[in-house]
Amino acid sequence: MAAESATVMDARTPRSEIWKQLENLKGDELVAWRVADVPGRPSADERNLPNEYPFGWFGVGFSDELAIGQVKSIRYFGKELALWRGVDGKPRVIDAYCAHYGANMAHGGKVHENWLECPFHAWRYGEDGAVKDIPYAKIIPPQTRKKDCVPSWPTQEANGFIWVWYHPQRVAPMWDLFNLEEVGNPNWNG
């Protein structure tokens, strides 16, 4: 039994053994190790883990970690999302996948003014999830000009964090965030 448990490399393995294993893993092997199934692990239902999220504001990143013109991939609420900061300094979040050919806009997408540009065919999305511009086209397809063509997420910035509103029925935010003047104030040492 002891020899059998020594071959299982997961969170139950002593740290020194994990580090010995990780030193030799690179690239795809390392990724495979990170996502490998753990034999005998109970399911999420058996572990009583929720598959629902409460509604409210969720901090998705530090304000100072998203520069103007930067796009980041984030995963929240069981979805891949694209977070970007426009030239006006405001952060925005929409679902990551383009309505045209399904490219993940958080990987290779660019910020064009305040819009997020898809890396495949340069469709440009606004914070409402509607296509605002297709540089090579004279006409934008009507169904893509509608709000939430790609689902958008209400986003605010407060207290050094970027916050995204979640509600399972996509109800608009029920309250705004408020700024605490103490946050980031070098004269306050509470």
N, C-alpha and C. Protein backbone atom coordinates (compact mmCIF):
# COMPACT_ATOMS: atom_id res chain seq x y z
N MET A 1 0.82 -1.20 0.00
CA MET A 1 0.00 0.00 0.00
C MET A 1 0.87 1.26 0.00
N ALA A 2 1.98 1.25 0.73
CA ALA A 2 2.85 2.43 0.80
C ALA A 2 3.45 2.73 -0.56
N ALA A 3 3.85 1.70 -1.32
CA ALA A 3 4.43 1.93 -2.65
C ALA A 3 3.38 2.49 -3.59
N GLU A 4 2.12 2.04 -3.43
CA GLU A 4 1.05 2.52 -4.29
C GLU A 4 0.77 4.01 -4.03
N SER A 5 0.73 4.44 -2.77
CA SER A 5 0.44 5.84 -2.46
C SER A 5 1.60 6.74 -2.85
N ALA A 6 2.82 6.23 -2.91
CA ALA A 6 3.96 7.05 -3.30
C ALA A 6 3.90 7.44 -4.77
N THR A 7 3.18 6.66 -5.60
CA THR A 7 3.09 6.99 -7.02
C THR A 7 2.02 8.04 -7.31
N VAL A 8 1.10 8.26 -6.38
CA VAL A 8 0.06 9.27 -6.57
C VAL A 8 0.65 10.63 -6.22
N MET A 9 0.68 11.53 -7.19
CA MET A 9 1.24 12.86 -6.95
C MET A 9 0.11 13.88 -7.00
N ASP A 10 -0.38 14.29 -5.85
CA ASP A 10 -1.41 15.32 -5.79
C ASP A 10 -1.24 16.09 -4.48
N ALA A 11 -2.24 16.83 -4.10
CA ALA A 11 -2.15 17.69 -2.91
C ALA A 11 -1.93 16.89 -1.62
N ARG A 12 -2.21 15.59 -1.66
CA ARG A 12 -2.01 14.77 -0.46
C ARG A 12 -0.56 14.31 -0.32
N THR A 13 0.23 14.48 -1.36
CA THR A 13 1.62 14.04 -1.36
C THR A 13 2.47 15.06 -0.60
N PRO A 14 3.41 14.60 0.21
CA PRO A 14 4.27 15.56 0.93
C PRO A 14 4.91 16.54 -0.03
N ARG A 15 5.03 17.77 0.40
CA ARG A 15 5.52 18.85 -0.45
C ARG A 15 6.86 18.54 -1.11
N SER A 16 7.78 17.97 -0.38
CA SER A 16 9.09 17.70 -0.96
C SER A 16 8.98 16.75 -2.15
N GLU A 17 8.07 15.79 -2.10
CA GLU A 17 7.88 14.87 -3.21
C GLU A 17 7.28 15.59 -4.42
N ILE A 18 6.35 16.49 -4.17
CA ILE A 18 5.76 17.24 -5.27
C ILE A 18 6.83 18.07 -5.97
N TRP A 19 7.67 18.75 -5.19
CA TRP A 19 8.70 19.59 -5.80
C TRP A 19 9.70 18.77 -6.59
N LYS A 20 10.02 17.59 -6.12
CA LYS A 20 10.92 16.72 -6.89
C LYS A 20 10.31 16.38 -8.25
N GLN A 21 9.02 16.08 -8.24
CA GLN A 21 8.31 15.75 -9.49
C GLN A 21 8.24 16.97 -10.41
N LEU A 22 7.91 18.13 -9.85
CA LEU A 22 7.72 19.33 -10.67
C LEU A 22 9.01 19.83 -11.32
N GLU A 23 10.12 19.61 -10.66
CA GLU A 23 11.40 20.05 -11.22
C GLU A 23 11.66 19.44 -12.59
N ASN A 24 11.12 18.23 -12.82
CA ASN A 24 11.36 17.52 -14.07
C ASN A 24 10.27 17.74 -15.12
N LEU A 25 9.18 18.42 -14.75
CA LEU A 25 8.08 18.63 -15.69
C LEU A 25 8.19 19.99 -16.35
N LYS A 26 7.98 20.02 -17.64
CA LYS A 26 8.01 21.26 -18.41
C LYS A 26 6.88 21.23 -19.43
N GLY A 27 6.43 22.39 -19.84
CA GLY A 27 5.48 22.54 -20.94
C GLY A 27 4.21 21.73 -20.78
N ASP A 28 3.89 20.92 -21.80
CA ASP A 28 2.64 20.15 -21.81
C ASP A 28 2.57 19.15 -20.66
N GLU A 29 3.70 18.57 -20.28
CA GLU A 29 3.70 17.62 -19.16
C GLU A 29 3.27 18.30 -17.87
N LEU A 30 3.73 19.53 -17.66
CA LEU A 30 3.37 20.29 -16.46
C LEU A 30 1.88 20.63 -16.47
N VAL A 31 1.36 21.05 -17.63
CA VAL A 31 -0.07 21.35 -17.74
C VAL A 31 -0.88 20.10 -17.47
N ALA A 32 -0.49 18.96 -18.04
CA ALA A 32 -1.21 17.70 -17.83
C ALA A 32 -1.22 17.33 -16.35
N TRP A 33 -0.13 17.56 -15.65
CA TRP A 33 -0.06 17.24 -14.22
C TRP A 33 -1.04 18.11 -13.44
N ARG A 34 -1.11 19.41 -13.81
CA ARG A 34 -1.98 20.33 -13.08
C ARG A 34 -3.45 20.00 -13.22
N VAL A 35 -3.86 19.46 -14.36
CA VAL A 35 -5.28 19.21 -14.59
C VAL A 35 -5.64 17.72 -14.52
N ALA A 36 -4.72 16.89 -14.12
CA ALA A 36 -4.97 15.45 -14.06
C ALA A 36 -6.04 15.11 -13.02
N ASP A 37 -6.82 14.09 -13.33
CA ASP A 37 -7.82 13.61 -12.38
C ASP A 37 -7.12 12.98 -11.18
N VAL A 38 -7.71 13.17 -10.03
CA VAL A 38 -7.19 12.55 -8.81
C VAL A 38 -8.01 11.28 -8.59
N PRO A 39 -7.38 10.11 -8.66
CA PRO A 39 -8.13 8.86 -8.48
C PRO A 39 -8.84 8.82 -7.13
N GLY A 40 -10.12 8.41 -7.17
CA GLY A 40 -10.88 8.26 -5.93
C GLY A 40 -11.41 9.58 -5.37
N ARG A 41 -11.22 10.67 -6.07
CA ARG A 41 -11.70 11.97 -5.57
C ARG A 41 -13.22 12.04 -5.69
N PRO A 42 -13.91 12.42 -4.62
CA PRO A 42 -15.37 12.54 -4.70
C PRO A 42 -15.78 13.66 -5.66
N SER A 43 -16.96 13.54 -6.25
CA SER A 43 -17.46 14.56 -7.17
C SER A 43 -17.79 15.85 -6.41
N ALA A 44 -18.03 16.91 -7.16
CA ALA A 44 -18.39 18.19 -6.55
C ALA A 44 -19.67 18.05 -5.73
N ASP A 45 -20.65 17.27 -6.24
CA ASP A 45 -21.90 17.06 -5.49
C ASP A 45 -21.63 16.31 -4.19
N GLU A 46 -20.74 15.30 -4.25
CA GLU A 46 -20.42 14.54 -3.04
C GLU A 46 -19.69 15.38 -2.02
N ARG A 47 -18.92 16.37 -2.50
CA ARG A 47 -18.20 17.25 -1.59
C ARG A 47 -19.04 18.46 -1.18
N ASN A 48 -20.30 18.50 -1.65
CA ASN A 48 -21.24 19.55 -1.31
C ASN A 48 -20.75 20.93 -1.76
N LEU A 49 -20.11 20.97 -2.94
CA LEU A 49 -19.66 22.25 -3.48
C LEU A 49 -20.78 22.89 -4.29
N PRO A 50 -20.96 24.18 -4.16
CA PRO A 50 -22.04 24.84 -4.90
C PRO A 50 -21.70 24.97 -6.38
N ASN A 51 -22.72 24.89 -7.22
CA ASN A 51 -22.52 25.17 -8.63
C ASN A 51 -23.29 26.44 -9.00
N GLU A 52 -23.65 27.20 -7.99
CA GLU A 52 -24.32 28.47 -8.17
C GLU A 52 -23.49 29.54 -7.49
N TYR A 53 -23.72 30.78 -7.89
CA TYR A 53 -22.98 31.89 -7.31
C TYR A 53 -23.98 32.88 -6.74
N PRO A 54 -23.67 33.51 -5.63
CA PRO A 54 -24.57 34.54 -5.11
C PRO A 54 -24.50 35.78 -6.00
N PHE A 55 -25.59 36.55 -6.06
CA PHE A 55 -25.49 37.76 -6.86
C PHE A 55 -24.80 38.85 -6.06
N GLY A 56 -24.10 39.71 -6.79
CA GLY A 56 -23.39 40.81 -6.15
C GLY A 56 -22.15 41.17 -6.94
N TRP A 57 -21.34 42.03 -6.35
CA TRP A 57 -20.09 42.49 -6.97
C TRP A 57 -18.95 41.55 -6.59
N PHE A 58 -18.14 41.16 -7.56
CA PHE A 58 -16.99 40.29 -7.34
C PHE A 58 -15.73 41.00 -7.81
N GLY A 59 -14.73 41.04 -6.95
CA GLY A 59 -13.44 41.62 -7.33
C GLY A 59 -12.72 40.68 -8.28
N VAL A 60 -12.39 41.17 -9.47
CA VAL A 60 -11.76 40.31 -10.48
C VAL A 60 -10.31 40.69 -10.77
N GLY A 61 -9.83 41.74 -10.13
CA GLY A 61 -8.44 42.12 -10.35
C GLY A 61 -8.10 43.41 -9.63
N PHE A 62 -6.79 43.62 -9.43
CA PHE A 62 -6.33 44.87 -8.84
C PHE A 62 -6.29 45.94 -9.93
N SER A 63 -6.72 47.13 -9.58
CA SER A 63 -6.74 48.24 -10.55
C SER A 63 -5.37 48.49 -11.17
N ASP A 64 -4.33 48.46 -10.35
CA ASP A 64 -3.00 48.80 -10.86
C ASP A 64 -2.37 47.69 -11.70
N GLU A 65 -3.05 46.56 -11.84
CA GLU A 65 -2.52 45.47 -12.66
C GLU A 65 -3.12 45.42 -14.06
N LEU A 66 -3.92 46.43 -14.40
CA LEU A 66 -4.50 46.50 -15.75
C LEU A 66 -4.20 47.89 -16.32
N ALA A 67 -3.26 47.93 -17.24
CA ALA A 67 -2.84 49.20 -17.84
C ALA A 67 -3.80 49.62 -18.95
N ILE A 68 -3.78 50.88 -19.29
CA ILE A 68 -4.57 51.37 -20.42
C ILE A 68 -4.11 50.62 -21.67
N GLY A 69 -5.08 50.11 -22.42
CA GLY A 69 -4.78 49.37 -23.65
C GLY A 69 -4.47 47.90 -23.44
N GLN A 70 -4.57 47.42 -22.22
CA GLN A 70 -4.25 46.01 -21.93
C GLN A 70 -5.51 45.16 -21.90
N VAL A 71 -5.38 43.92 -22.36
CA VAL A 71 -6.46 42.93 -22.34
C VAL A 71 -5.99 41.77 -21.48
N LYS A 72 -6.88 41.27 -20.62
CA LYS A 72 -6.55 40.11 -19.79
C LYS A 72 -7.66 39.07 -19.88
N SER A 73 -7.26 37.84 -19.79
CA SER A 73 -8.20 36.72 -19.71
C SER A 73 -8.50 36.46 -18.24
N ILE A 74 -9.78 36.40 -17.90
CA ILE A 74 -10.17 36.06 -16.54
C ILE A 74 -11.25 34.98 -16.61
N ARG A 75 -11.37 34.18 -15.58
CA ARG A 75 -12.40 33.14 -15.53
C ARG A 75 -13.18 33.31 -14.25
N TYR A 76 -14.44 33.67 -14.41
CA TYR A 76 -15.35 33.82 -13.28
C TYR A 76 -16.71 33.30 -13.67
N PHE A 77 -17.47 32.83 -12.68
CA PHE A 77 -18.84 32.36 -12.88
C PHE A 77 -18.92 31.22 -13.89
N GLY A 78 -17.84 30.44 -13.98
CA GLY A 78 -17.78 29.31 -14.90
C GLY A 78 -17.65 29.73 -16.35
N LYS A 79 -17.18 30.95 -16.60
CA LYS A 79 -17.08 31.47 -17.96
C LYS A 79 -15.71 32.09 -18.20
N GLU A 80 -15.29 32.04 -19.46
CA GLU A 80 -14.09 32.75 -19.89
C GLU A 80 -14.53 34.18 -20.22
N LEU A 81 -13.85 35.15 -19.64
CA LEU A 81 -14.19 36.55 -19.85
C LEU A 81 -12.98 37.32 -20.33
N ALA A 82 -13.24 38.42 -21.04
CA ALA A 82 -12.18 39.32 -21.48
C ALA A 82 -12.31 40.62 -20.70
N LEU A 83 -11.24 41.01 -20.04
CA LEU A 83 -11.17 42.25 -19.27
C LEU A 83 -10.20 43.17 -19.98
N TRP A 84 -10.61 44.42 -20.24
CA TRP A 84 -9.70 45.36 -20.88
C TRP A 84 -9.94 46.76 -20.33
N ARG A 85 -8.91 47.60 -20.52
CA ARG A 85 -9.01 48.99 -20.10
C ARG A 85 -8.86 49.86 -21.35
N GLY A 86 -9.89 50.66 -21.63
CA GLY A 86 -9.87 51.54 -22.79
C GLY A 86 -8.97 52.74 -22.57
N VAL A 87 -8.84 53.54 -23.63
CA VAL A 87 -7.98 54.72 -23.54
C VAL A 87 -8.54 55.76 -22.57
N ASP A 88 -9.84 55.67 -22.26
CA ASP A 88 -10.43 56.57 -21.28
C ASP A 88 -10.12 56.14 -19.84
N GLY A 89 -9.43 55.00 -19.68
CA GLY A 89 -9.04 54.52 -18.36
C GLY A 89 -10.06 53.63 -17.68
N LYS A 90 -11.19 53.42 -18.31
CA LYS A 90 -12.28 52.62 -17.70
C LYS A 90 -12.13 51.14 -18.03
N PRO A 91 -12.24 50.27 -17.01
CA PRO A 91 -12.20 48.82 -17.30
C PRO A 91 -13.55 48.33 -17.81
N ARG A 92 -13.52 47.29 -18.62
CA ARG A 92 -14.72 46.71 -19.20
C ARG A 92 -14.57 45.19 -19.24
N VAL A 93 -15.71 44.47 -19.19
CA VAL A 93 -15.69 43.00 -19.24
C VAL A 93 -16.83 42.52 -20.12
N ILE A 94 -16.49 41.61 -21.06
CA ILE A 94 -17.50 40.89 -21.84
C ILE A 94 -17.07 39.43 -21.91
N ASP A 95 -17.99 38.55 -22.32
CA ASP A 95 -17.61 37.16 -22.56
C ASP A 95 -16.47 37.15 -23.58
N ALA A 96 -15.59 36.19 -23.45
CA ALA A 96 -14.35 36.21 -24.22
C ALA A 96 -14.50 35.83 -25.69
N TYR A 97 -15.57 35.12 -26.05
CA TYR A 97 -15.62 34.54 -27.39
C TYR A 97 -16.39 35.42 -28.38
N CYS A 98 -15.74 35.71 -29.48
CA CYS A 98 -16.30 36.55 -30.54
C CYS A 98 -17.52 35.85 -31.17
N ALA A 99 -18.53 36.64 -31.49
CA ALA A 99 -19.75 36.10 -32.11
C ALA A 99 -19.53 35.69 -33.56
N HIS A 100 -18.46 36.12 -34.17
CA HIS A 100 -18.22 35.84 -35.58
C HIS A 100 -17.71 34.42 -35.79
N TYR A 101 -16.49 34.14 -35.34
CA TYR A 101 -15.93 32.79 -35.49
C TYR A 101 -15.46 32.19 -34.18
N GLY A 102 -15.82 32.79 -33.07
CA GLY A 102 -15.55 32.19 -31.77
C GLY A 102 -14.15 32.34 -31.24
N ALA A 103 -13.38 33.28 -31.76
CA ALA A 103 -12.02 33.50 -31.24
C ALA A 103 -12.11 33.98 -29.80
N ASN A 104 -11.15 33.56 -28.99
CA ASN A 104 -11.06 34.06 -27.63
C ASN A 104 -10.37 35.42 -27.69
N MET A 105 -11.14 36.47 -27.48
CA MET A 105 -10.62 37.83 -27.63
C MET A 105 -9.68 38.23 -26.50
N ALA A 106 -9.66 37.47 -25.43
CA ALA A 106 -8.74 37.76 -24.32
C ALA A 106 -7.33 37.29 -24.65
N HIS A 107 -7.19 36.47 -25.68
CA HIS A 107 -5.88 35.97 -26.11
C HIS A 107 -5.62 36.49 -27.52
N GLY A 108 -4.86 37.54 -27.61
CA GLY A 108 -4.53 38.12 -28.90
C GLY A 108 -5.40 39.30 -29.30
N GLY A 109 -6.48 39.54 -28.53
CA GLY A 109 -7.32 40.69 -28.80
C GLY A 109 -6.58 41.98 -28.48
N LYS A 110 -7.02 43.08 -29.10
CA LYS A 110 -6.38 44.37 -28.89
C LYS A 110 -7.42 45.39 -28.48
N VAL A 111 -6.95 46.42 -27.80
CA VAL A 111 -7.83 47.53 -27.47
C VAL A 111 -7.71 48.55 -28.59
N HIS A 112 -8.85 48.92 -29.14
CA HIS A 112 -8.91 49.97 -30.16
C HIS A 112 -9.80 51.07 -29.57
N GLU A 113 -9.18 52.17 -29.17
CA GLU A 113 -9.85 53.24 -28.43
C GLU A 113 -10.45 52.64 -27.17
N ASN A 114 -11.78 52.54 -27.09
CA ASN A 114 -12.39 51.93 -25.90
C ASN A 114 -13.05 50.60 -26.24
N TRP A 115 -12.80 50.09 -27.43
CA TRP A 115 -13.39 48.84 -27.88
C TRP A 115 -12.38 47.71 -27.81
N LEU A 116 -12.91 46.50 -27.74
CA LEU A 116 -12.07 45.30 -27.77
C LEU A 116 -12.13 44.72 -29.18
N GLU A 117 -10.97 44.54 -29.79
CA GLU A 117 -10.87 44.05 -31.17
C GLU A 117 -10.51 42.58 -31.18
N CYS A 118 -11.30 41.80 -31.91
CA CYS A 118 -11.06 40.36 -32.04
C CYS A 118 -9.78 40.09 -32.83
N PRO A 119 -8.98 39.13 -32.42
CA PRO A 119 -7.73 38.85 -33.14
C PRO A 119 -7.92 38.18 -34.49
N PHE A 120 -9.08 37.58 -34.77
CA PHE A 120 -9.28 36.89 -36.05
C PHE A 120 -9.59 37.88 -37.17
N HIS A 121 -10.69 38.61 -37.06
CA HIS A 121 -11.15 39.45 -38.17
C HIS A 121 -11.41 40.90 -37.76
N ALA A 122 -10.88 41.30 -36.62
CA ALA A 122 -10.89 42.70 -36.16
C ALA A 122 -12.29 43.26 -35.89
N TRP A 123 -13.26 42.40 -35.58
CA TRP A 123 -14.55 42.93 -35.15
C TRP A 123 -14.31 43.64 -33.82
N ARG A 124 -14.90 44.80 -33.65
CA ARG A 124 -14.67 45.61 -32.46
C ARG A 124 -15.94 45.71 -31.63
N TYR A 125 -15.81 45.31 -30.35
CA TYR A 125 -16.94 45.25 -29.43
C TYR A 125 -16.86 46.38 -28.40
N GLY A 126 -18.02 46.92 -28.07
CA GLY A 126 -18.10 47.91 -27.01
C GLY A 126 -18.39 47.24 -25.68
N GLU A 127 -18.44 48.03 -24.63
CA GLU A 127 -18.67 47.47 -23.30
C GLU A 127 -20.06 46.87 -23.15
N ASP A 128 -20.98 47.18 -24.06
CA ASP A 128 -22.33 46.60 -24.01
C ASP A 128 -22.41 45.27 -24.76
N GLY A 129 -21.29 44.79 -25.31
CA GLY A 129 -21.26 43.52 -26.02
C GLY A 129 -21.72 43.60 -27.46
N ALA A 130 -22.00 44.80 -27.97
CA ALA A 130 -22.42 44.98 -29.35
C ALA A 130 -21.21 45.25 -30.23
N VAL A 131 -21.30 44.82 -31.50
CA VAL A 131 -20.24 45.12 -32.46
C VAL A 131 -20.39 46.59 -32.84
N LYS A 132 -19.33 47.35 -32.66
CA LYS A 132 -19.34 48.79 -32.95
C LYS A 132 -18.70 49.11 -34.28
N ASP A 133 -17.79 48.23 -34.74
CA ASP A 133 -17.08 48.52 -35.98
C ASP A 133 -16.50 47.23 -36.55
N ILE A 134 -16.54 47.12 -37.87
CA ILE A 134 -15.82 46.08 -38.60
C ILE A 134 -15.03 46.86 -39.65
N PRO A 135 -13.72 47.03 -39.46
CA PRO A 135 -12.94 47.96 -40.28
C PRO A 135 -13.05 47.76 -41.79
N TYR A 136 -13.23 46.55 -42.25
CA TYR A 136 -13.25 46.27 -43.68
C TYR A 136 -14.66 46.16 -44.25
N ALA A 137 -15.69 46.40 -43.42
CA ALA A 137 -17.07 46.24 -43.87
C ALA A 137 -17.81 47.58 -43.86
N LYS A 138 -18.70 47.75 -44.82
CA LYS A 138 -19.51 48.96 -44.87
C LYS A 138 -20.74 48.83 -43.98
N ILE A 139 -21.21 47.60 -43.81
CA ILE A 139 -22.42 47.36 -43.02
C ILE A 139 -22.10 46.35 -41.92
N ILE A 140 -22.54 46.67 -40.70
CA ILE A 140 -22.42 45.74 -39.57
C ILE A 140 -23.72 44.93 -39.54
N PRO A 141 -23.64 43.60 -39.49
CA PRO A 141 -24.87 42.80 -39.44
C PRO A 141 -25.78 43.25 -38.28
N PRO A 142 -27.07 43.44 -38.56
CA PRO A 142 -27.99 43.99 -37.55
C PRO A 142 -28.02 43.22 -36.23
N GLN A 143 -27.95 41.90 -36.27
CA GLN A 143 -28.03 41.12 -35.04
C GLN A 143 -26.81 41.33 -34.14
N THR A 144 -25.69 41.76 -34.74
CA THR A 144 -24.48 41.97 -33.94
C THR A 144 -24.41 43.37 -33.36
N ARG A 145 -25.26 44.27 -33.84
CA ARG A 145 -25.28 45.64 -33.30
C ARG A 145 -26.09 45.73 -32.02
N LYS A 146 -26.76 44.65 -31.66
CA LYS A 146 -27.62 44.65 -30.47
C LYS A 146 -26.79 44.47 -29.21
N LYS A 147 -27.26 45.10 -28.13
CA LYS A 147 -26.63 44.95 -26.81
C LYS A 147 -26.55 43.46 -26.48
N ASP A 148 -25.45 43.06 -25.91
CA ASP A 148 -25.21 41.69 -25.48
C ASP A 148 -25.19 40.68 -26.62
N CYS A 149 -24.79 41.12 -27.82
CA CYS A 149 -24.49 40.17 -28.88
C CYS A 149 -23.49 39.17 -28.32
N VAL A 150 -22.49 39.70 -27.63
CA VAL A 150 -21.61 38.93 -26.76
C VAL A 150 -21.93 39.43 -25.37
N PRO A 151 -22.35 38.55 -24.45
CA PRO A 151 -22.78 39.02 -23.13
C PRO A 151 -21.75 39.93 -22.46
N SER A 152 -22.26 41.04 -21.95
CA SER A 152 -21.42 42.02 -21.26
C SER A 152 -21.69 41.94 -19.76
N TRP A 153 -20.75 42.46 -18.99
CA TRP A 153 -20.83 42.38 -17.54
C TRP A 153 -20.64 43.78 -16.94
N PRO A 154 -21.60 44.25 -16.14
CA PRO A 154 -21.42 45.55 -15.49
C PRO A 154 -20.12 45.57 -14.70
N THR A 155 -19.34 46.60 -14.91
CA THR A 155 -18.01 46.69 -14.33
C THR A 155 -17.82 48.05 -13.67
N GLN A 156 -17.25 48.05 -12.48
CA GLN A 156 -16.91 49.28 -11.77
C GLN A 156 -15.52 49.14 -11.19
N GLU A 157 -14.95 50.27 -10.87
CA GLU A 157 -13.64 50.28 -10.24
C GLU A 157 -13.76 51.05 -8.94
N ALA A 158 -13.33 50.43 -7.85
CA ALA A 158 -13.42 51.08 -6.54
C ALA A 158 -12.41 50.45 -5.60
N ASN A 159 -11.83 51.27 -4.76
CA ASN A 159 -10.97 50.82 -3.67
C ASN A 159 -9.79 49.96 -4.14
N GLY A 160 -9.27 50.31 -5.30
CA GLY A 160 -8.10 49.61 -5.81
C GLY A 160 -8.40 48.29 -6.50
N PHE A 161 -9.68 47.99 -6.74
CA PHE A 161 -10.08 46.75 -7.39
C PHE A 161 -10.98 47.02 -8.59
N ILE A 162 -11.00 46.06 -9.49
CA ILE A 162 -11.96 46.06 -10.59
C ILE A 162 -13.03 45.05 -10.18
N TRP A 163 -14.29 45.47 -10.24
CA TRP A 163 -15.42 44.67 -9.77
C TRP A 163 -16.36 44.36 -10.93
N VAL A 164 -16.91 43.14 -10.94
CA VAL A 164 -17.89 42.73 -11.94
C VAL A 164 -19.16 42.30 -11.21
N TRP A 165 -20.29 42.75 -11.72
CA TRP A 165 -21.60 42.39 -11.14
C TRP A 165 -22.06 41.07 -11.72
N TYR A 166 -22.52 40.16 -10.84
CA TYR A 166 -23.09 38.90 -11.29
C TYR A 166 -24.50 38.76 -10.74
N HIS A 167 -25.42 38.35 -11.59
CA HIS A 167 -26.77 37.95 -11.19
C HIS A 167 -27.19 36.84 -12.13
N PRO A 168 -27.74 35.73 -11.62
CA PRO A 168 -28.05 34.58 -12.49
C PRO A 168 -29.06 34.90 -13.58
N GLN A 169 -29.95 35.87 -13.37
CA GLN A 169 -30.91 36.27 -14.41
C GLN A 169 -30.46 37.53 -15.14
N ARG A 170 -29.21 37.92 -14.95
CA ARG A 170 -28.62 39.08 -15.60
C ARG A 170 -29.35 40.37 -15.26
N VAL A 171 -29.84 40.46 -14.03
CA VAL A 171 -30.47 41.68 -13.52
C VAL A 171 -29.38 42.73 -13.34
N ALA A 172 -29.71 43.97 -13.67
CA ALA A 172 -28.75 45.07 -13.54
C ALA A 172 -28.33 45.23 -12.07
N PRO A 173 -27.16 45.84 -11.84
CA PRO A 173 -26.70 46.02 -10.45
C PRO A 173 -27.76 46.68 -9.57
N MET A 174 -27.92 46.14 -8.38
CA MET A 174 -28.91 46.64 -7.44
C MET A 174 -28.34 47.70 -6.51
N TRP A 175 -27.02 47.85 -6.52
CA TRP A 175 -26.37 48.89 -5.74
C TRP A 175 -25.02 49.18 -6.38
N ASP A 176 -24.55 50.40 -6.15
CA ASP A 176 -23.23 50.78 -6.62
C ASP A 176 -22.21 50.54 -5.53
N LEU A 177 -20.99 50.42 -5.93
CA LEU A 177 -19.90 50.34 -4.97
C LEU A 177 -19.60 51.74 -4.47
N PHE A 178 -18.98 51.83 -3.33
CA PHE A 178 -18.57 53.15 -2.85
C PHE A 178 -17.08 53.12 -2.56
N ASN A 179 -16.46 54.27 -2.74
CA ASN A 179 -15.03 54.38 -2.51
C ASN A 179 -14.77 54.74 -1.06
N LEU A 180 -13.85 54.05 -0.46
CA LEU A 180 -13.38 54.37 0.88
C LEU A 180 -12.14 55.22 0.72
N GLU A 181 -12.18 56.45 1.18
CA GLU A 181 -11.04 57.35 0.95
C GLU A 181 -9.78 56.87 1.65
N GLU A 182 -9.92 55.97 2.62
CA GLU A 182 -8.74 55.45 3.31
C GLU A 182 -7.91 54.53 2.42
N VAL A 183 -8.57 53.86 1.46
CA VAL A 183 -7.88 52.90 0.61
C VAL A 183 -6.89 53.64 -0.29
N GLY A 184 -5.64 53.28 -0.18
CA GLY A 184 -4.58 53.89 -0.98
C GLY A 184 -4.11 55.23 -0.49
N ASN A 185 -4.65 55.71 0.62
CA ASN A 185 -4.23 57.00 1.17
C ASN A 185 -3.02 56.79 2.06
N PRO A 186 -1.88 57.36 1.70
CA PRO A 186 -0.66 57.13 2.51
C PRO A 186 -0.73 57.77 3.90
N ASN A 187 -1.66 58.70 4.10
CA ASN A 187 -1.80 59.36 5.41
C ASN A 187 -2.67 58.58 6.37
N TRP A 188 -3.30 57.51 5.89
CA TRP A 188 -4.16 56.70 6.76
C TRP A 188 -3.45 55.39 7.07
N ASN A 189 -3.29 55.10 8.34
CA ASN A 189 -2.59 53.86 8.71
C ASN A 189 -3.39 53.06 9.73
N GLY A 190 -4.70 53.28 9.75
CA GLY A 190 -5.71 52.62 10.56
C GLY A 190 -5.25 51.65 11.52
